[in-house]
Structure formats: structure tokens, C-alpha cells
C-alpha atoms as a PDB file:
ATOM      1  CA  UNK A   1       8.707  21.727  64.117  1.00  0.00           C
ATOM      2  CA  UNK A   2       7.979  18.394  65.733  1.00  0.00           C
ATOM      3  CA  UNK A   3       5.412  18.610  68.486  1.00  0.00           C
ATOM      4  CA  UNK A   4       5.003  15.549  70.639  1.00  0.00           C
ATOM      5  CA  UNK A   5       2.419  14.538  73.199  1.00  0.00           C
ATOM      6  CA  UNK A   6       5.207  13.945  75.739  1.00  0.00           C
ATOM      7  CA  UNK A   7       7.439  16.991  75.475  1.00  0.00           C
ATOM      8  CA  UNK A   8       9.446  16.132  78.623  1.00  0.00           C
ATOM      9  CA  UNK A   9      13.047  15.280  77.809  1.00  0.00           C
ATOM     10  CA  UNK A  10      15.609  13.419  79.863  1.00  0.00           C
ATOM     11  CA  UNK A  11      18.499  15.669  78.826  1.00  0.00           C
ATOM     12  CA  UNK A  12      19.129  19.004  77.118  1.00  0.00           C
ATOM     13  CA  UNK A  13      20.836  17.076  74.325  1.00  0.00           C
ATOM     14  CA  UNK A  14      17.571  15.170  73.742  1.00  0.00           C
ATOM     15  CA  UNK A  15      15.509  18.382  73.877  1.00  0.00           C
ATOM     16  CA  UNK A  16      17.711  20.103  71.288  1.00  0.00           C
ATOM     17  CA  UNK A  17      17.682  16.963  69.109  1.00  0.00           C
ATOM     18  CA  UNK A  18      13.867  17.018  69.105  1.00  0.00           C
ATOM     19  CA  UNK A  19      14.112  20.598  67.812  1.00  0.00           C
ATOM     20  CA  UNK A  20      16.559  19.589  65.073  1.00  0.00           C
ATOM     21  CA  UNK A  21      19.884  20.650  66.631  1.00  0.00           C
ATOM     22  CA  UNK A  22      22.839  18.449  67.561  1.00  0.00           C
ATOM     23  CA  UNK A  23      24.397  19.511  70.883  1.00  0.00           C
ATOM     24  CA  UNK A  24      27.967  18.595  71.721  1.00  0.00           C
ATOM     25  CA  UNK A  25      28.337  20.492  75.010  1.00  0.00           C
ATOM     26  CA  UNK A  26      24.949  20.876  76.750  1.00  0.00           C
ATOM     27  CA  UNK A  27      26.358  22.770  79.750  1.00  0.00           C
ATOM     28  CA  UNK A  28      27.616  25.470  77.383  1.00  0.00           C
ATOM     29  CA  UNK A  29      24.576  25.544  75.114  1.00  0.00           C
ATOM     30  CA  UNK A  30      22.060  28.347  75.659  1.00  0.00           C
ATOM     31  CA  UNK A  31      20.999  28.471  72.014  1.00  0.00           C
ATOM     32  CA  UNK A  32      21.794  26.886  68.668  1.00  0.00           C
ATOM     33  CA  UNK A  33      20.993  26.961  64.994  1.00  0.00           C
ATOM     34  CA  UNK A  34      19.339  23.758  63.779  1.00  0.00           C
ATOM     35  CA  UNK A  35      21.448  21.306  61.810  1.00  0.00           C
ATOM     36  CA  UNK A  36      19.721  22.346  58.564  1.00  0.00           C
ATOM     37  CA  UNK A  37      20.463  26.018  59.314  1.00  0.00           C
ATOM     38  CA  UNK A  38      16.818  27.030  59.003  1.00  0.00           C
ATOM     39  CA  UNK A  39      15.835  27.765  62.607  1.00  0.00           C
ATOM     40  CA  UNK A  40      17.161  29.009  65.920  1.00  0.00           C
ATOM     41  CA  UNK A  41      16.558  27.116  69.184  1.00  0.00           C
ATOM     42  CA  UNK A  42      16.825  28.915  72.544  1.00  0.00           C
ATOM     43  CA  UNK A  43      16.737  27.600  76.114  1.00  0.00           C
ATOM     44  CA  UNK A  44      14.240  29.509  78.289  1.00  0.00           C
ATOM     45  CA  UNK A  45      13.956  29.278  82.103  1.00  0.00           C
ATOM     46  CA  UNK A  46      10.494  28.789  83.641  1.00  0.00           C
ATOM     47  CA  UNK A  47      11.140  31.482  86.271  1.00  0.00           C
ATOM     48  CA  UNK A  48      11.776  34.128  83.589  1.00  0.00           C
ATOM     49  CA  UNK A  49       8.260  33.870  82.168  1.00  0.00           C
ATOM     50  CA  UNK A  50       6.055  36.779  83.192  1.00  0.00           C
ATOM     51  CA  UNK A  51       2.838  34.724  83.239  1.00  0.00           C
ATOM     52  CA  UNK A  52       1.666  31.245  84.243  1.00  0.00           C
ATOM     53  CA  UNK A  53       0.661  30.395  80.665  1.00  0.00           C
ATOM     54  CA  UNK A  54       4.293  30.936  79.615  1.00  0.00           C
ATOM     55  CA  UNK A  55       3.426  33.328  76.795  1.00  0.00           C
ATOM     56  CA  UNK A  56       5.685  36.281  77.764  1.00  0.00           C
ATOM     57  CA  UNK A  57       9.375  35.892  78.589  1.00  0.00           C
ATOM     58  CA  UNK A  58      11.909  38.484  79.747  1.00  0.00           C
ATOM     59  CA  UNK A  59      15.465  38.670  81.024  1.00  0.00           C
ATOM     60  CA  UNK A  60      15.241  42.447  81.502  1.00  0.00           C
ATOM     61  CA  UNK A  61      15.517  43.374  85.167  1.00  0.00           C
ATOM     62  CA  UNK A  62      18.200  40.737  85.827  1.00  0.00           C
ATOM     63  CA  UNK A  63      21.536  42.002  87.107  1.00  0.00           C
ATOM     64  CA  UNK A  64      23.447  40.080  84.464  1.00  0.00           C
ATOM     65  CA  UNK A  65      26.171  39.328  86.987  1.00  0.00           C
ATOM     66  CA  UNK A  66      27.896  36.096  86.060  1.00  0.00           C
ATOM     67  CA  UNK A  67      26.382  35.679  82.593  1.00  0.00           C
ATOM     68  CA  UNK A  68      26.569  38.848  80.472  1.00  0.00           C
ATOM     69  CA  UNK A  69      30.233  38.356  79.529  1.00  0.00           C
ATOM     70  CA  UNK A  70      30.007  34.613  78.903  1.00  0.00           C
ATOM     71  CA  UNK A  71      30.598  33.261  75.377  1.00  0.00           C
ATOM     72  CA  UNK A  72      27.236  31.438  75.618  1.00  0.00           C
ATOM     73  CA  UNK A  73      25.491  34.808  75.962  1.00  0.00           C
ATOM     74  CA  UNK A  74      27.380  36.287  72.987  1.00  0.00           C
ATOM     75  CA  UNK A  75      26.315  33.284  70.883  1.00  0.00           C
ATOM     76  CA  UNK A  76      22.705  33.647  72.042  1.00  0.00           C
ATOM     77  CA  UNK A  77      22.748  37.332  70.998  1.00  0.00           C
ATOM     78  CA  UNK A  78      23.973  36.256  67.535  1.00  0.00           C
ATOM     79  CA  UNK A  79      21.309  33.549  67.314  1.00  0.00           C
ATOM     80  CA  UNK A  80      18.520  35.930  68.357  1.00  0.00           C
ATOM     81  CA  UNK A  81      19.762  38.484  65.808  1.00  0.00           C
ATOM     82  CA  UNK A  82      19.712  35.742  63.183  1.00  0.00           C
ATOM     83  CA  UNK A  83      16.121  34.847  64.108  1.00  0.00           C
ATOM     84  CA  UNK A  84      15.149  38.513  63.799  1.00  0.00           C
ATOM     85  CA  UNK A  85      16.912  38.932  60.434  1.00  0.00           C
ATOM     86  CA  UNK A  86      15.817  35.700  58.775  1.00  0.00           C
ATOM     87  CA  UNK A  87      12.616  34.546  60.442  1.00  0.00           C
ATOM     88  CA  UNK A  88      10.786  37.637  61.697  1.00  0.00           C
ATOM     89  CA  UNK A  89      12.074  36.964  65.206  1.00  0.00           C
ATOM     90  CA  UNK A  90      10.721  33.403  65.379  1.00  0.00           C
ATOM     91  CA  UNK A  91      12.653  30.744  67.264  1.00  0.00           C
ATOM     92  CA  UNK A  92      12.016  27.281  68.702  1.00  0.00           C
ATOM     93  CA  UNK A  93      12.213  26.941  72.465  1.00  0.00           C
ATOM     94  CA  UNK A  94      13.291  24.509  75.108  1.00  0.00           C
ATOM     95  CA  UNK A  95      11.869  25.259  78.531  1.00  0.00           C
ATOM     96  CA  UNK A  96      13.919  24.307  81.567  1.00  0.00           C
ATOM     97  CA  UNK A  97      12.965  24.390  85.241  1.00  0.00           C
ATOM     98  CA  UNK A  98      15.761  25.323  87.659  1.00  0.00           C
ATOM     99  CA  UNK A  99      16.274  23.599  91.006  1.00  0.00           C
ATOM    100  CA  UNK A 100      16.695  26.969  92.724  1.00  0.00           C
ATOM    101  CA  UNK A 101      16.883  30.737  92.191  1.00  0.00           C
ATOM    102  CA  UNK A 102      20.609  30.476  91.396  1.00  0.00           C
ATOM    103  CA  UNK A 103      19.925  28.075  88.483  1.00  0.00           C
ATOM    104  CA  UNK A 104      22.509  25.688  89.907  1.00  0.00           C
ATOM    105  CA  UNK A 105      20.886  22.736  88.161  1.00  0.00           C
ATOM    106  CA  UNK A 106      17.951  21.818  85.957  1.00  0.00           C
ATOM    107  CA  UNK A 107      15.192  19.595  87.326  1.00  0.00           C
ATOM    108  CA  UNK A 108      13.023  19.433  84.185  1.00  0.00           C
ATOM    109  CA  UNK A 109      13.370  20.161  80.492  1.00  0.00           C
ATOM    110  CA  UNK A 110      10.817  20.056  77.697  1.00  0.00           C
ATOM    111  CA  UNK A 111      10.231  21.051  74.114  1.00  0.00           C
ATOM    112  CA  UNK A 112       8.570  24.455  74.251  1.00  0.00           C
ATOM    113  CA  UNK A 113       6.428  26.467  71.862  1.00  0.00           C
ATOM    114  CA  UNK A 114       7.612  28.605  68.980  1.00  0.00           C
ATOM    115  CA  UNK A 115       8.411  32.068  70.299  1.00  0.00           C
ATOM    116  CA  UNK A 116       9.137  35.493  68.768  1.00  0.00           C
ATOM    117  CA  UNK A 117      11.810  37.956  69.934  1.00  0.00           C
ATOM    118  CA  UNK A 118      10.073  41.261  70.681  1.00  0.00           C
ATOM    119  CA  UNK A 119      12.993  43.222  72.192  1.00  0.00           C
ATOM    120  CA  UNK A 120      16.734  42.712  72.535  1.00  0.00           C
ATOM    121  CA  UNK A 121      19.562  44.690  74.095  1.00  0.00           C
ATOM    122  CA  UNK A 122      22.421  43.635  71.849  1.00  0.00           C
ATOM    123  CA  UNK A 123      25.039  44.955  74.291  1.00  0.00           C
ATOM    124  CA  UNK A 124      23.909  42.866  77.283  1.00  0.00           C
ATOM    125  CA  UNK A 125      21.896  40.029  75.723  1.00  0.00           C
ATOM    126  CA  UNK A 126      18.781  40.805  77.733  1.00  0.00           C
ATOM    127  CA  UNK A 127      15.724  40.025  75.638  1.00  0.00           C
ATOM    128  CA  UNK A 128      11.968  39.643  75.611  1.00  0.00           C
ATOM    129  CA  UNK A 129       9.923  37.158  73.654  1.00  0.00           C
ATOM    130  CA  UNK A 130       6.309  36.106  73.299  1.00  0.00           C
ATOM    131  CA  UNK A 131       4.605  32.963  72.167  1.00  0.00           C
ATOM    132  CA  UNK A 132       4.157  33.043  68.392  1.00  0.00           C
END
């Protein structure tokens, strides 16, 4: 994984490209498999981290209203399952900062650390991860 001194990215497309994945529709991309097929990349929201150091992440406790049934969530479940099956749960991350609690827009995006899935509810897509 490429780690750069300036991980801030101007767009999600740029952030995914730095992680090795070509994005065609950034608004519909919550996760991807890298172009070489060897790694999974997942977008994580800063307000879903459980600590300031951004080492523990969780979407448990969220209502799921408005996102559980979306195709993007189904794809993310598949990608997280793939990471668990093929890479011991490891995935590359992109960390985005929302403009508000509704996540109506993104104000910052950066290449994040490698993370590991520690728990997943395959029916809803809620998951937990920790820094690898």
C-alpha cells in the first residue's frame, strides 16, 4: 500500500486511485476491490470512529434507515466478506469527514490506515473494524 506524507485527497476518485482502485461513480462507491484484485478498499466516516486516534470503527448502533437496502451497502458486505475470506479481514481505508450529521456532503477525504474487520452483520451490513 502506498503511504504518502500528504494523504489528503481532492476527490474520492483520487483517494481510491491512491489505494489502487479505479472509481467510475464516486457517489455510489462505498467500497471496491483494487484493480489487481488483491485488496479491498472501504470508505470510513470520521464520526463512526469510537476513539480520537481512529483505531476502532463501528456502524453498529446506527438505525440503518436510508442505507441498509442500498446496492452500495450490499456491495460493501460482499467486499468485507472477501477481505475476511482472502486477507484475514484486512482492508485499505479511505477516511472521509462529513459536513454534518446527515452526511449530506464530504468536506475532507484522505488515505487511511490498513484496517481489519472484527465483526460483521451480513444481513444489515453493520460492521466493526480496528486498525491493523
